[in-house]
ModelCIF file with pLDDT and N, C-alpha, C, O atoms, coordinates in Angstrom:
data_MODEL
#
_entry.id   MODEL 
#
_entity.id                         1 
_entity.type                       polymer 
_entity.pdbx_number_of_molecules   1 
#
_entity_poly.entity_id                      1 
_entity_poly.type                           'polypeptide(L)' 
_entity_poly.nstd_linkage                   no 
_entity_poly.nstd_monomer                   no 
_entity_poly.pdbx_seq_one_letter_code       YPVLPNLIRLTKNDYQVPNTQHILEKGIMTVIPVHAIHHDPEYYPDPE 
_entity_poly.pdbx_seq_one_letter_code_can   YPVLPNLIRLTKNDYQVPNTQHILEKGIMTVIPVHAIHHDPEYYPDPE 
_entity_poly.pdbx_strand_id                 A 
#
loop_
_entity_poly_seq.entity_id 
_entity_poly_seq.num 
_entity_poly_seq.mon_id 
_entity_poly_seq.hetero 
1 1  TYR n 
1 2  PRO n 
1 3  VAL n 
1 4  LEU n 
1 5  PRO n 
1 6  ASN n 
1 7  LEU n 
1 8  ILE n 
1 9  ARG n 
1 10 LEU n 
1 11 THR n 
1 12 LYS n 
1 13 ASN n 
1 14 ASP n 
1 15 TYR n 
1 16 GLN n 
1 17 VAL n 
1 18 PRO n 
1 19 ASN n 
1 20 THR n 
1 21 GLN n 
1 22 HIS n 
1 23 ILE n 
1 24 LEU n 
1 25 GLU n 
1 26 LYS n 
1 27 GLY n 
1 28 ILE n 
1 29 MET n 
1 30 THR n 
1 31 VAL n 
1 32 ILE n 
1 33 PRO n 
1 34 VAL n 
1 35 HIS n 
1 36 ALA n 
1 37 ILE n 
1 38 HIS n 
1 39 HIS n 
1 40 ASP n 
1 41 PRO n 
1 42 GLU n 
1 43 TYR n 
1 44 TYR n 
1 45 PRO n 
1 46 ASP n 
1 47 PRO n 
1 48 GLU n 
#
_struct_asym.id          A 
_struct_asym.entity_id   1 
#
loop_
_ma_qa_metric.id 
_ma_qa_metric.mode 
_ma_qa_metric.name 
_ma_qa_metric.software_group_id 
_ma_qa_metric.type 
1 global pLDDT . pLDDT 
2 local  pLDDT . pLDDT 
#
_ma_qa_metric_global.metric_id      1 
_ma_qa_metric_global.metric_value   94.48 
_ma_qa_metric_global.model_id       1 
_ma_qa_metric_global.ordinal_id     1 
#
loop_
_ma_qa_metric_local.label_asym_id 
_ma_qa_metric_local.label_comp_id 
_ma_qa_metric_local.label_seq_id 
_ma_qa_metric_local.metric_id 
_ma_qa_metric_local.metric_value 
_ma_qa_metric_local.model_id 
_ma_qa_metric_local.ordinal_id 
A TYR 1  2 96.00 1 1  
A PRO 2  2 94.00 1 2  
A VAL 3  2 86.00 1 3  
A LEU 4  2 88.00 1 4  
A PRO 5  2 91.00 1 5  
A ASN 6  2 93.00 1 6  
A LEU 7  2 96.00 1 7  
A ILE 8  2 95.00 1 8  
A ARG 9  2 96.00 1 9  
A LEU 10 2 94.00 1 10 
A THR 11 2 95.00 1 11 
A LYS 12 2 93.00 1 12 
A ASN 13 2 93.00 1 13 
A ASP 14 2 95.00 1 14 
A TYR 15 2 96.00 1 15 
A GLN 16 2 95.00 1 16 
A VAL 17 2 95.00 1 17 
A PRO 18 2 93.00 1 18 
A ASN 19 2 90.00 1 19 
A THR 20 2 90.00 1 20 
A GLN 21 2 90.00 1 21 
A HIS 22 2 92.00 1 22 
A ILE 23 2 93.00 1 23 
A LEU 24 2 94.00 1 24 
A GLU 25 2 93.00 1 25 
A LYS 26 2 93.00 1 26 
A GLY 27 2 91.00 1 27 
A ILE 28 2 93.00 1 28 
A MET 29 2 92.00 1 29 
A THR 30 2 96.00 1 30 
A VAL 31 2 96.00 1 31 
A ILE 32 2 97.00 1 32 
A PRO 33 2 97.00 1 33 
A VAL 34 2 97.00 1 34 
A HIS 35 2 96.00 1 35 
A ALA 36 2 97.00 1 36 
A ILE 37 2 97.00 1 37 
A HIS 38 2 98.00 1 38 
A HIS 39 2 97.00 1 39 
A ASP 40 2 97.00 1 40 
A PRO 41 2 97.00 1 41 
A GLU 42 2 97.00 1 42 
A TYR 43 2 97.00 1 43 
A TYR 44 2 98.00 1 44 
A PRO 45 2 97.00 1 45 
A ASP 46 2 97.00 1 46 
A PRO 47 2 97.00 1 47 
A GLU 48 2 95.00 1 48 
#
loop_
_atom_site.group_PDB 
_atom_site.id 
_atom_site.type_symbol 
_atom_site.label_atom_id 
_atom_site.label_alt_id 
_atom_site.label_comp_id 
_atom_site.label_asym_id 
_atom_site.label_entity_id 
_atom_site.label_seq_id 
_atom_site.pdbx_PDB_ins_code 
_atom_site.Cartn_x 
_atom_site.Cartn_y 
_atom_site.Cartn_z 
_atom_site.occupancy 
_atom_site.B_iso_or_equiv 
_atom_site.pdbx_formal_charge 
_atom_site.auth_seq_id 
_atom_site.auth_comp_id 
_atom_site.auth_asym_id 
_atom_site.auth_atom_id 
_atom_site.pdbx_PDB_model_num 
ATOM 1   N N  . TYR A 1 1  ? 51.388 -51.055 43.977 1.00 96.00 ? 1  TYR A N  1 
ATOM 2   C CA . TYR A 1 1  ? 52.158 -52.299 44.090 1.00 96.00 ? 1  TYR A CA 1 
ATOM 3   C C  . TYR A 1 1  ? 53.240 -52.373 43.010 1.00 96.00 ? 1  TYR A C  1 
ATOM 4   O O  . TYR A 1 1  ? 53.187 -53.256 42.153 1.00 96.00 ? 1  TYR A O  1 
ATOM 5   N N  . PRO A 1 2  ? 54.219 -51.463 43.035 1.00 94.00 ? 2  PRO A N  1 
ATOM 6   C CA . PRO A 1 2  ? 55.289 -51.580 42.035 1.00 94.00 ? 2  PRO A CA 1 
ATOM 7   C C  . PRO A 1 2  ? 56.026 -52.903 42.249 1.00 94.00 ? 2  PRO A C  1 
ATOM 8   O O  . PRO A 1 2  ? 56.461 -53.208 43.359 1.00 94.00 ? 2  PRO A O  1 
ATOM 9   N N  . VAL A 1 3  ? 56.159 -53.674 41.187 1.00 86.00 ? 3  VAL A N  1 
ATOM 10  C CA . VAL A 1 3  ? 56.747 -55.007 41.339 1.00 86.00 ? 3  VAL A CA 1 
ATOM 11  C C  . VAL A 1 3  ? 58.188 -54.905 41.834 1.00 86.00 ? 3  VAL A C  1 
ATOM 12  O O  . VAL A 1 3  ? 58.596 -55.652 42.724 1.00 86.00 ? 3  VAL A O  1 
ATOM 13  N N  . LEU A 1 4  ? 58.954 -53.985 41.260 1.00 88.00 ? 4  LEU A N  1 
ATOM 14  C CA . LEU A 1 4  ? 60.304 -53.716 41.758 1.00 88.00 ? 4  LEU A CA 1 
ATOM 15  C C  . LEU A 1 4  ? 60.224 -52.531 42.712 1.00 88.00 ? 4  LEU A C  1 
ATOM 16  O O  . LEU A 1 4  ? 59.857 -51.436 42.285 1.00 88.00 ? 4  LEU A O  1 
ATOM 17  N N  . PRO A 1 5  ? 60.558 -52.712 43.998 1.00 91.00 ? 5  PRO A N  1 
ATOM 18  C CA . PRO A 1 5  ? 60.384 -51.618 44.964 1.00 91.00 ? 5  PRO A CA 1 
ATOM 19  C C  . PRO A 1 5  ? 61.437 -50.522 44.856 1.00 91.00 ? 5  PRO A C  1 
ATOM 20  O O  . PRO A 1 5  ? 61.269 -49.449 45.436 1.00 91.00 ? 5  PRO A O  1 
ATOM 21  N N  . ASN A 1 6  ? 62.523 -50.775 44.121 1.00 93.00 ? 6  ASN A N  1 
ATOM 22  C CA . ASN A 1 6  ? 63.547 -49.747 43.972 1.00 93.00 ? 6  ASN A CA 1 
ATOM 23  C C  . ASN A 1 6  ? 64.319 -49.958 42.680 1.00 93.00 ? 6  ASN A C  1 
ATOM 24  O O  . ASN A 1 6  ? 64.281 -51.038 42.090 1.00 93.00 ? 6  ASN A O  1 
ATOM 25  N N  . LEU A 1 7  ? 65.020 -48.917 42.246 1.00 96.00 ? 7  LEU A N  1 
ATOM 26  C CA . LEU A 1 7  ? 65.921 -48.985 41.092 1.00 96.00 ? 7  LEU A CA 1 
ATOM 27  C C  . LEU A 1 7  ? 67.346 -48.753 41.582 1.00 96.00 ? 7  LEU A C  1 
ATOM 28  O O  . LEU A 1 7  ? 67.571 -48.019 42.545 1.00 96.00 ? 7  LEU A O  1 
ATOM 29  N N  . ILE A 1 8  ? 68.297 -49.380 40.915 1.00 95.00 ? 8  ILE A N  1 
ATOM 30  C CA . ILE A 1 8  ? 69.708 -49.238 41.285 1.00 95.00 ? 8  ILE A CA 1 
ATOM 31  C C  . ILE A 1 8  ? 70.501 -48.751 40.076 1.00 95.00 ? 8  ILE A C  1 
ATOM 32  O O  . ILE A 1 8  ? 70.330 -49.259 38.968 1.00 95.00 ? 8  ILE A O  1 
ATOM 33  N N  . ARG A 1 9  ? 71.361 -47.775 40.292 1.00 96.00 ? 9  ARG A N  1 
ATOM 34  C CA . ARG A 1 9  ? 72.330 -47.345 39.288 1.00 96.00 ? 9  ARG A CA 1 
ATOM 35  C C  . ARG A 1 9  ? 73.684 -47.162 39.972 1.00 96.00 ? 9  ARG A C  1 
ATOM 36  O O  . ARG A 1 9  ? 73.763 -46.997 41.189 1.00 96.00 ? 9  ARG A O  1 
ATOM 37  N N  . LEU A 1 10 ? 74.735 -47.194 39.177 1.00 94.00 ? 10 LEU A N  1 
ATOM 38  C CA . LEU A 1 10 ? 76.097 -47.069 39.692 1.00 94.00 ? 10 LEU A CA 1 
ATOM 39  C C  . LEU A 1 10 ? 76.759 -45.853 39.051 1.00 94.00 ? 10 LEU A C  1 
ATOM 40  O O  . LEU A 1 10 ? 76.623 -45.641 37.846 1.00 94.00 ? 10 LEU A O  1 
ATOM 41  N N  . THR A 1 11 ? 77.472 -45.053 39.839 1.00 95.00 ? 11 THR A N  1 
ATOM 42  C CA . THR A 1 11 ? 78.168 -43.906 39.266 1.00 95.00 ? 11 THR A CA 1 
ATOM 43  C C  . THR A 1 11 ? 79.357 -44.398 38.447 1.00 95.00 ? 11 THR A C  1 
ATOM 44  O O  . THR A 1 11 ? 80.224 -45.114 38.949 1.00 95.00 ? 11 THR A O  1 
ATOM 45  N N  . LYS A 1 12 ? 79.380 -44.002 37.188 1.00 93.00 ? 12 LYS A N  1 
ATOM 46  C CA . LYS A 1 12 ? 80.447 -44.440 36.283 1.00 93.00 ? 12 LYS A CA 1 
ATOM 47  C C  . LYS A 1 12 ? 81.717 -43.628 36.491 1.00 93.00 ? 12 LYS A C  1 
ATOM 48  O O  . LYS A 1 12 ? 82.829 -44.127 36.318 1.00 93.00 ? 12 LYS A O  1 
ATOM 49  N N  . ASN A 1 13 ? 81.530 -42.373 36.863 1.00 93.00 ? 13 ASN A N  1 
ATOM 50  C CA . ASN A 1 13 ? 82.643 -41.467 37.174 1.00 93.00 ? 13 ASN A CA 1 
ATOM 51  C C  . ASN A 1 13 ? 82.232 -40.608 38.359 1.00 93.00 ? 13 ASN A C  1 
ATOM 52  O O  . ASN A 1 13 ? 81.074 -40.639 38.776 1.00 93.00 ? 13 ASN A O  1 
ATOM 53  N N  . ASP A 1 14 ? 83.163 -39.847 38.903 1.00 95.00 ? 14 ASP A N  1 
ATOM 54  C CA . ASP A 1 14 ? 82.796 -38.880 39.941 1.00 95.00 ? 14 ASP A CA 1 
ATOM 55  C C  . ASP A 1 14 ? 81.704 -37.957 39.383 1.00 95.00 ? 14 ASP A C  1 
ATOM 56  O O  . ASP A 1 14 ? 81.774 -37.506 38.239 1.00 95.00 ? 14 ASP A O  1 
ATOM 57  N N  . TYR A 1 15 ? 80.698 -37.690 40.218 1.00 96.00 ? 15 TYR A N  1 
ATOM 58  C CA . TYR A 1 15 ? 79.534 -36.933 39.742 1.00 96.00 ? 15 TYR A CA 1 
ATOM 59  C C  . TYR A 1 15 ? 79.214 -35.794 40.690 1.00 96.00 ? 15 TYR A C  1 
ATOM 60  O O  . TYR A 1 15 ? 78.966 -36.006 41.877 1.00 96.00 ? 15 TYR A O  1 
ATOM 61  N N  . GLN A 1 16 ? 79.222 -34.583 40.153 1.00 95.00 ? 16 GLN A N  1 
ATOM 62  C CA . GLN A 1 16 ? 78.845 -33.396 40.914 1.00 95.00 ? 16 GLN A CA 1 
ATOM 63  C C  . GLN A 1 16 ? 77.325 -33.305 40.976 1.00 95.00 ? 16 GLN A C  1 
ATOM 64  O O  . GLN A 1 16 ? 76.679 -33.117 39.945 1.00 95.00 ? 16 GLN A O  1 
ATOM 65  N N  . VAL A 1 17 ? 76.743 -33.436 42.172 1.00 95.00 ? 17 VAL A N  1 
ATOM 66  C CA . VAL A 1 17 ? 75.296 -33.336 42.313 1.00 95.00 ? 17 VAL A CA 1 
ATOM 67  C C  . VAL A 1 17 ? 74.880 -31.894 42.014 1.00 95.00 ? 17 VAL A C  1 
ATOM 68  O O  . VAL A 1 17 ? 75.358 -30.973 42.676 1.00 95.00 ? 17 VAL A O  1 
ATOM 69  N N  . PRO A 1 18 ? 74.001 -31.679 41.035 1.00 93.00 ? 18 PRO A N  1 
ATOM 70  C CA . PRO A 1 18 ? 73.626 -30.313 40.651 1.00 93.00 ? 18 PRO A CA 1 
ATOM 71  C C  . PRO A 1 18 ? 73.122 -29.487 41.834 1.00 93.00 ? 18 PRO A C  1 
ATOM 72  O O  . PRO A 1 18 ? 72.393 -29.978 42.696 1.00 93.00 ? 18 PRO A O  1 
ATOM 73  N N  . ASN A 1 19 ? 73.530 -28.227 41.847 1.00 90.00 ? 19 ASN A N  1 
ATOM 74  C CA . ASN A 1 19 ? 73.084 -27.243 42.844 1.00 90.00 ? 19 ASN A CA 1 
ATOM 75  C C  . ASN A 1 19 ? 73.542 -27.585 44.258 1.00 90.00 ? 19 ASN A C  1 
ATOM 76  O O  . ASN A 1 19 ? 72.955 -27.107 45.229 1.00 90.00 ? 19 ASN A O  1 
ATOM 77  N N  . THR A 1 20 ? 74.590 -28.411 44.383 1.00 90.00 ? 20 THR A N  1 
ATOM 78  C CA . THR A 1 20 ? 75.156 -28.728 45.701 1.00 90.00 ? 20 THR A CA 1 
ATOM 79  C C  . THR A 1 20 ? 76.681 -28.741 45.585 1.00 90.00 ? 20 THR A C  1 
ATOM 80  O O  . THR A 1 20 ? 77.242 -28.625 44.496 1.00 90.00 ? 20 THR A O  1 
ATOM 81  N N  . GLN A 1 21 ? 77.334 -28.885 46.743 1.00 90.00 ? 21 GLN A N  1 
ATOM 82  C CA . GLN A 1 21 ? 78.788 -29.036 46.769 1.00 90.00 ? 21 GLN A CA 1 
ATOM 83  C C  . GLN A 1 21 ? 79.202 -30.505 46.809 1.00 90.00 ? 21 GLN A C  1 
ATOM 84  O O  . GLN A 1 21 ? 80.392 -30.814 46.873 1.00 90.00 ? 21 GLN A O  1 
ATOM 85  N N  . HIS A 1 22 ? 78.233 -31.402 46.772 1.00 92.00 ? 22 HIS A N  1 
ATOM 86  C CA . HIS A 1 22 ? 78.519 -32.828 46.947 1.00 92.00 ? 22 HIS A CA 1 
ATOM 87  C C  . HIS A 1 22 ? 78.999 -33.478 45.649 1.00 92.00 ? 22 HIS A C  1 
ATOM 88  O O  . HIS A 1 22 ? 78.474 -33.217 44.567 1.00 92.00 ? 22 HIS A O  1 
ATOM 89  N N  . ILE A 1 23 ? 79.997 -34.320 45.792 1.00 93.00 ? 23 ILE A N  1 
ATOM 90  C CA . ILE A 1 23 ? 80.500 -35.112 44.679 1.00 93.00 ? 23 ILE A CA 1 
ATOM 91  C C  . ILE A 1 23 ? 80.337 -36.582 45.032 1.00 93.00 ? 23 ILE A C  1 
ATOM 92  O O  . ILE A 1 23 ? 80.837 -37.039 46.060 1.00 93.00 ? 23 ILE A O  1 
ATOM 93  N N  . LEU A 1 24 ? 79.639 -37.320 44.184 1.00 94.00 ? 24 LEU A N  1 
ATOM 94  C CA . LEU A 1 24 ? 79.493 -38.759 44.380 1.00 94.00 ? 24 LEU A CA 1 
ATOM 95  C C  . LEU A 1 24 ? 80.661 -39.450 43.701 1.00 94.00 ? 24 LEU A C  1 
ATOM 96  O O  . LEU A 1 24 ? 80.881 -39.278 42.502 1.00 94.00 ? 24 LEU A O  1 
ATOM 97  N N  . GLU A 1 25 ? 81.404 -40.224 44.461 1.00 93.00 ? 25 GLU A N  1 
ATOM 98  C CA . GLU A 1 25 ? 82.584 -40.871 43.913 1.00 93.00 ? 25 GLU A CA 1 
ATOM 99  C C  . GLU A 1 25 ? 82.223 -41.980 42.937 1.00 93.00 ? 25 GLU A C  1 
ATOM 100 O O  . GLU A 1 25 ? 81.151 -42.580 43.022 1.00 93.00 ? 25 GLU A O  1 
ATOM 101 N N  . LYS A 1 26 ? 83.128 -42.238 42.017 1.00 93.00 ? 26 LYS A N  1 
ATOM 102 C CA . LYS A 1 26 ? 82.965 -43.326 41.057 1.00 93.00 ? 26 LYS A CA 1 
ATOM 103 C C  . LYS A 1 26 ? 82.723 -44.646 41.797 1.00 93.00 ? 26 LYS A C  1 
ATOM 104 O O  . LYS A 1 26 ? 83.408 -44.965 42.770 1.00 93.00 ? 26 LYS A O  1 
ATOM 105 N N  . GLY A 1 27 ? 81.724 -45.412 41.309 1.00 91.00 ? 27 GLY A N  1 
ATOM 106 C CA . GLY A 1 27 ? 81.454 -46.724 41.899 1.00 91.00 ? 27 GLY A CA 1 
ATOM 107 C C  . GLY A 1 27 ? 80.439 -46.720 43.021 1.00 91.00 ? 27 GLY A C  1 
ATOM 108 O O  . GLY A 1 27 ? 80.126 -47.775 43.572 1.00 91.00 ? 27 GLY A O  1 
ATOM 109 N N  . ILE A 1 28 ? 79.910 -45.535 43.376 1.00 93.00 ? 28 ILE A N  1 
ATOM 110 C CA . ILE A 1 28 ? 78.902 -45.474 44.437 1.00 93.00 ? 28 ILE A CA 1 
ATOM 111 C C  . ILE A 1 28 ? 77.553 -45.941 43.888 1.00 93.00 ? 28 ILE A C  1 
ATOM 112 O O  . ILE A 1 28 ? 77.148 -45.538 42.798 1.00 93.00 ? 28 ILE A O  1 
ATOM 113 N N  . MET A 1 29 ? 76.864 -46.788 44.645 1.00 92.00 ? 29 MET A N  1 
ATOM 114 C CA . MET A 1 29 ? 75.527 -47.211 44.252 1.00 92.00 ? 29 MET A CA 1 
ATOM 115 C C  . MET A 1 29 ? 74.524 -46.078 44.463 1.00 92.00 ? 29 MET A C  1 
ATOM 116 O O  . MET A 1 29 ? 74.645 -45.286 45.397 1.00 92.00 ? 29 MET A O  1 
ATOM 117 N N  . THR A 1 30 ? 73.529 -46.020 43.574 1.00 96.00 ? 30 THR A N  1 
ATOM 118 C CA . THR A 1 30 ? 72.451 -45.050 43.696 1.00 96.00 ? 30 THR A CA 1 
ATOM 119 C C  . THR A 1 30 ? 71.138 -45.808 43.823 1.00 96.00 ? 30 THR A C  1 
ATOM 120 O O  . THR A 1 30 ? 70.751 -46.551 42.921 1.00 96.00 ? 30 THR A O  1 
ATOM 121 N N  . VAL A 1 31 ? 70.459 -45.617 44.943 1.00 96.00 ? 31 VAL A N  1 
ATOM 122 C CA . VAL A 1 31 ? 69.194 -46.306 45.222 1.00 96.00 ? 31 VAL A CA 1 
ATOM 123 C C  . VAL A 1 31 ? 68.037 -45.329 45.032 1.00 96.00 ? 31 VAL A C  1 
ATOM 124 O O  . VAL A 1 31 ? 67.995 -44.274 45.664 1.00 96.00 ? 31 VAL A O  1 
ATOM 125 N N  . ILE A 1 32 ? 67.098 -45.692 44.154 1.00 97.00 ? 32 ILE A N  1 
ATOM 126 C CA . ILE A 1 32 ? 65.902 -44.874 43.928 1.00 97.00 ? 32 ILE A CA 1 
ATOM 127 C C  . ILE A 1 32 ? 64.710 -45.619 44.502 1.00 97.00 ? 32 ILE A C  1 
ATOM 128 O O  . ILE A 1 32 ? 64.319 -46.650 43.955 1.00 97.00 ? 32 ILE A O  1 
ATOM 129 N N  . PRO A 1 33 ? 64.113 -45.129 45.594 1.00 97.00 ? 33 PRO A N  1 
ATOM 130 C CA . PRO A 1 33 ? 63.069 -45.864 46.326 1.00 97.00 ? 33 PRO A CA 1 
ATOM 131 C C  . PRO A 1 33 ? 61.695 -45.739 45.676 1.00 97.00 ? 33 PRO A C  1 
ATOM 132 O O  . PRO A 1 33 ? 60.877 -44.930 46.116 1.00 97.00 ? 33 PRO A O  1 
ATOM 133 N N  . VAL A 1 34 ? 61.435 -46.517 44.650 1.00 97.00 ? 34 VAL A N  1 
ATOM 134 C CA . VAL A 1 34 ? 60.211 -46.405 43.856 1.00 97.00 ? 34 VAL A CA 1 
ATOM 135 C C  . VAL A 1 34 ? 58.957 -46.563 44.719 1.00 97.00 ? 34 VAL A C  1 
ATOM 136 O O  . VAL A 1 34 ? 58.051 -45.733 44.652 1.00 97.00 ? 34 VAL A O  1 
ATOM 137 N N  . HIS A 1 35 ? 58.902 -47.617 45.524 1.00 96.00 ? 35 HIS A N  1 
ATOM 138 C CA . HIS A 1 35 ? 57.712 -47.881 46.346 1.00 96.00 ? 35 HIS A CA 1 
ATOM 139 C C  . HIS A 1 35 ? 57.409 -46.706 47.272 1.00 96.00 ? 35 HIS A C  1 
ATOM 140 O O  . HIS A 1 35 ? 56.257 -46.292 47.406 1.00 96.00 ? 35 HIS A O  1 
ATOM 141 N N  . ALA A 1 36 ? 58.446 -46.178 47.904 1.00 97.00 ? 36 ALA A N  1 
ATOM 142 C CA . ALA A 1 36 ? 58.250 -45.071 48.841 1.00 97.00 ? 36 ALA A CA 1 
ATOM 143 C C  . ALA A 1 36 ? 57.727 -43.826 48.132 1.00 97.00 ? 36 ALA A C  1 
ATOM 144 O O  . ALA A 1 36 ? 56.833 -43.151 48.642 1.00 97.00 ? 36 ALA A O  1 
ATOM 145 N N  . ILE A 1 37 ? 58.275 -43.520 46.964 1.00 97.00 ? 37 ILE A N  1 
ATOM 146 C CA . ILE A 1 37 ? 57.834 -42.342 46.211 1.00 97.00 ? 37 ILE A CA 1 
ATOM 147 C C  . ILE A 1 37 ? 56.391 -42.513 45.756 1.00 97.00 ? 37 ILE A C  1 
ATOM 148 O O  . ILE A 1 37 ? 55.612 -41.561 45.794 1.00 97.00 ? 37 ILE A O  1 
ATOM 149 N N  . HIS A 1 38 ? 56.031 -43.720 45.327 1.00 98.00 ? 38 HIS A N  1 
ATOM 150 C CA . HIS A 1 38 ? 54.659 -43.991 44.893 1.00 98.00 ? 38 HIS A CA 1 
ATOM 151 C C  . HIS A 1 38 ? 53.649 -43.840 46.022 1.00 98.00 ? 38 HIS A C  1 
ATOM 152 O O  . HIS A 1 38 ? 52.455 -43.675 45.772 1.00 98.00 ? 38 HIS A O  1 
ATOM 153 N N  . HIS A 1 39 ? 54.126 -43.898 47.266 1.00 97.00 ? 39 HIS A N  1 
ATOM 154 C CA . HIS A 1 39 ? 53.227 -43.806 48.415 1.00 97.00 ? 39 HIS A CA 1 
ATOM 155 C C  . HIS A 1 39 ? 53.410 -42.487 49.178 1.00 97.00 ? 39 HIS A C  1 
ATOM 156 O O  . HIS A 1 39 ? 52.976 -42.359 50.323 1.00 97.00 ? 39 HIS A O  1 
ATOM 157 N N  . ASP A 1 40 ? 54.046 -41.526 48.540 1.00 97.00 ? 40 ASP A N  1 
ATOM 158 C CA . ASP A 1 40 ? 54.263 -40.221 49.164 1.00 97.00 ? 40 ASP A CA 1 
ATOM 159 C C  . ASP A 1 40 ? 53.016 -39.358 48.944 1.00 97.00 ? 40 ASP A C  1 
ATOM 160 O O  . ASP A 1 40 ? 52.665 -39.069 47.800 1.00 97.00 ? 40 ASP A O  1 
ATOM 161 N N  . PRO A 1 41 ? 52.337 -38.938 50.032 1.00 97.00 ? 41 PRO A N  1 
ATOM 162 C CA . PRO A 1 41 ? 51.107 -38.136 49.875 1.00 97.00 ? 41 PRO A CA 1 
ATOM 163 C C  . PRO A 1 41 ? 51.340 -36.779 49.224 1.00 97.00 ? 41 PRO A C  1 
ATOM 164 O O  . PRO A 1 41 ? 50.390 -36.152 48.757 1.00 97.00 ? 41 PRO A O  1 
ATOM 165 N N  . GLU A 1 42 ? 52.589 -36.314 49.184 1.00 97.00 ? 42 GLU A N  1 
ATOM 166 C CA . GLU A 1 42 ? 52.869 -35.059 48.479 1.00 97.00 ? 42 GLU A CA 1 
ATOM 167 C C  . GLU A 1 42 ? 52.560 -35.196 46.990 1.00 97.00 ? 42 GLU A C  1 
ATOM 168 O O  . GLU A 1 42 ? 52.096 -34.252 46.350 1.00 97.00 ? 42 GLU A O  1 
ATOM 169 N N  . TYR A 1 43 ? 52.823 -36.382 46.449 1.00 97.00 ? 43 TYR A N  1 
ATOM 170 C CA . TYR A 1 43 ? 52.591 -36.625 45.022 1.00 97.00 ? 43 TYR A CA 1 
ATOM 171 C C  . TYR A 1 43 ? 51.262 -37.332 44.761 1.00 97.00 ? 43 TYR A C  1 
ATOM 172 O O  . TYR A 1 43 ? 50.642 -37.134 43.716 1.00 97.00 ? 43 TYR A O  1 
ATOM 173 N N  . TYR A 1 44 ? 50.831 -38.150 45.708 1.00 98.00 ? 44 TYR A N  1 
ATOM 174 C CA . TYR A 1 44 ? 49.603 -38.931 45.553 1.00 98.00 ? 44 TYR A CA 1 
ATOM 175 C C  . TYR A 1 44 ? 48.776 -38.831 46.838 1.00 98.00 ? 44 TYR A C  1 
ATOM 176 O O  . TYR A 1 44 ? 48.923 -39.668 47.728 1.00 98.00 ? 44 TYR A O  1 
ATOM 177 N N  . PRO A 1 45 ? 47.909 -37.819 46.945 1.00 97.00 ? 45 PRO A N  1 
ATOM 178 C CA . PRO A 1 45 ? 47.077 -37.669 48.157 1.00 97.00 ? 45 PRO A CA 1 
ATOM 179 C C  . PRO A 1 45 ? 46.303 -38.953 48.452 1.00 97.00 ? 45 PRO A C  1 
ATOM 180 O O  . PRO A 1 45 ? 45.823 -39.629 47.542 1.00 97.00 ? 45 PRO A O  1 
ATOM 181 N N  . ASP A 1 46 ? 46.192 -39.277 49.749 1.00 97.00 ? 46 ASP A N  1 
ATOM 182 C CA . ASP A 1 46 ? 45.557 -40.533 50.169 1.00 97.00 ? 46 ASP A CA 1 
ATOM 183 C C  . ASP A 1 46 ? 46.157 -41.703 49.388 1.00 97.00 ? 46 ASP A C  1 
ATOM 184 O O  . ASP A 1 46 ? 45.442 -42.390 48.658 1.00 97.00 ? 46 ASP A O  1 
ATOM 185 N N  . PRO A 1 47 ? 47.450 -41.933 49.534 1.00 97.00 ? 47 PRO A N  1 
ATOM 186 C CA . PRO A 1 47 ? 48.162 -42.866 48.652 1.00 97.00 ? 47 PRO A CA 1 
ATOM 187 C C  . PRO A 1 47 ? 47.675 -44.305 48.708 1.00 97.00 ? 47 PRO A C  1 
ATOM 188 O O  . PRO A 1 47 ? 47.883 -45.054 47.754 1.00 97.00 ? 47 PRO A O  1 
ATOM 189 N N  . GLU A 1 48 ? 47.027 -44.718 49.808 1.00 95.00 ? 48 GLU A N  1 
ATOM 190 C CA . GLU A 1 48 ? 46.565 -46.108 49.892 1.00 95.00 ? 48 GLU A CA 1 
ATOM 191 C C  . GLU A 1 48 ? 45.226 -46.312 49.191 1.00 95.00 ? 48 GLU A C  1 
ATOM 192 O O  . GLU A 1 48 ? 44.703 -47.426 49.172 1.00 95.00 ? 48 GLU A O  1 
#
């Protein structure tokens, strides 16, 4: 039961995603899905 289900960050400048050809433009929101990751059976078997 993570109280905040996600984290938000904003790209301050253009950002080259490591090991990819993708560039995130300045000002793009970044959503980190905390609740979903906490319930991923790959990391937490039988997550419920």
